[in-house]
Protein backbone atom coordinates (compact mmCIF):
# COMPACT_ATOMS: atom_id res chain seq x y z
CA ILE A 1 132.51 139.96 67.33
CA LEU A 2 132.00 136.46 65.94
CA SER A 3 129.70 134.06 67.81
CA LEU A 4 129.12 130.76 65.97
CA PRO A 5 130.65 128.45 64.93
CA ILE A 6 132.98 128.79 67.89
CA ASN A 7 136.65 129.17 67.01
CA GLY A 8 138.34 125.78 66.61
CA SER A 9 135.11 123.83 67.05
CA TYR A 10 133.78 120.77 65.26
CA VAL A 11 130.42 121.50 63.64
CA GLU A 12 127.69 118.88 63.26
CA THR A 13 126.78 119.68 59.66
CA THR A 14 128.40 120.65 56.38
CA LYS A 15 125.83 123.49 56.15
CA PRO A 16 126.60 125.46 59.34
CA THR A 17 124.89 128.66 60.45
CA PHE A 18 127.14 131.66 61.12
CA THR A 19 126.29 134.33 63.69
CA TRP A 20 128.00 137.48 64.95
CA GLU A 21 127.22 140.57 67.00
CA GLN A 22 125.40 143.52 65.50
CA VAL A 23 127.36 146.69 64.75
CA PRO A 24 125.29 149.89 65.23
CA GLY A 25 124.77 151.96 62.08
CA THR A 26 125.51 149.06 59.75
CA SER A 27 123.55 148.57 56.52
CA ASN A 28 124.93 145.09 55.75
CA TYR A 29 127.75 142.64 56.39
CA ASN A 30 130.22 140.74 54.23
CA ILE A 31 130.96 137.16 55.25
CA GLN A 32 133.76 135.05 53.80
CA VAL A 33 134.43 131.36 54.38
CA ALA A 34 137.53 129.66 52.96
CA LEU A 35 139.83 126.65 53.29
CA SER A 36 142.80 128.98 53.77
CA PRO A 37 143.24 131.72 56.41
CA SER A 38 144.50 133.98 53.60
CA PHE A 39 141.04 133.80 51.91
CA SER A 40 142.78 133.56 48.53
CA SER A 41 139.91 131.37 47.30
CA THR A 42 136.56 131.56 49.08
CA ALA A 43 133.93 128.84 49.42
CA ILE A 44 131.39 131.44 50.54
CA LYS A 45 131.45 135.16 49.82
CA LYS A 46 128.13 136.86 50.59
CA THR A 47 126.65 140.20 51.58
CA VAL A 48 123.81 139.90 54.11
CA THR A 49 121.65 142.35 56.05
CA SER A 50 121.30 140.33 59.28
CA THR A 51 123.81 139.01 61.82
CA THR A 52 123.07 135.43 60.79
CA TYR A 53 123.99 133.58 57.63
CA ASN A 54 122.54 130.14 56.87
CA THR A 55 124.81 128.29 54.47
CA THR A 56 123.10 127.43 51.19
CA ILE A 57 125.83 125.07 49.93
CA TYR A 58 127.39 121.97 51.41
CA LEU A 59 130.97 122.49 52.55
CA ARG A 60 133.50 119.69 52.13
CA SER A 61 133.59 117.03 54.86
CA GLY A 62 136.54 116.66 57.22
CA LYS A 63 138.05 120.04 56.40
CA THR A 64 139.15 123.04 58.43
CA TYR A 65 137.42 126.20 57.26
CA TYR A 66 138.17 129.80 58.19
CA TRP A 67 135.62 132.60 58.40
CA ARG A 68 135.43 136.33 58.96
CA VAL A 69 132.92 139.19 58.75
CA ARG A 70 133.03 142.93 58.20
CA ALA A 71 130.36 145.59 58.61
CA ASN A 72 129.36 148.07 55.91
CA GLY A 73 127.89 151.45 56.83
CA THR A 74 127.77 155.09 55.81
CA ASN A 75 131.49 155.49 56.54
CA GLY A 76 132.44 152.52 54.34
CA PRO A 77 133.46 149.01 55.32
CA SER A 78 135.00 148.19 58.70
CA LYS A 79 138.16 146.16 59.09
CA TRP A 80 137.64 142.42 58.88
CA SER A 81 136.86 140.65 62.13
CA ASP A 82 139.28 138.20 63.68
CA VAL A 83 139.57 134.99 61.68
CA TRP A 84 137.96 131.96 63.28
CA SER A 85 138.15 128.35 62.18
CA PHE A 86 135.92 125.30 62.42
CA ILE A 87 136.07 121.69 61.27
CA THR A 88 133.34 119.99 59.26
CA PRO A 89 132.20 116.42 60.04
């Protein structure tokens, strides 16, 4: 379950922090951030071990971005989460 940035929200920075709920038995998570809900071209595509990702790049100003996460564990990857969007300042 995604937590922040809240779906449809305006963020205060072009380097937002992403958070989501922990999935038991997970070894890591994939996060994707893109300008398109199809994720055909991603701005961010990372594998992380925690339920927080601090953006290391500046996203483009005044744009709507879409993000999603999936958990990876011993049984393979989960389905992708719901897709949420946010707007950069």
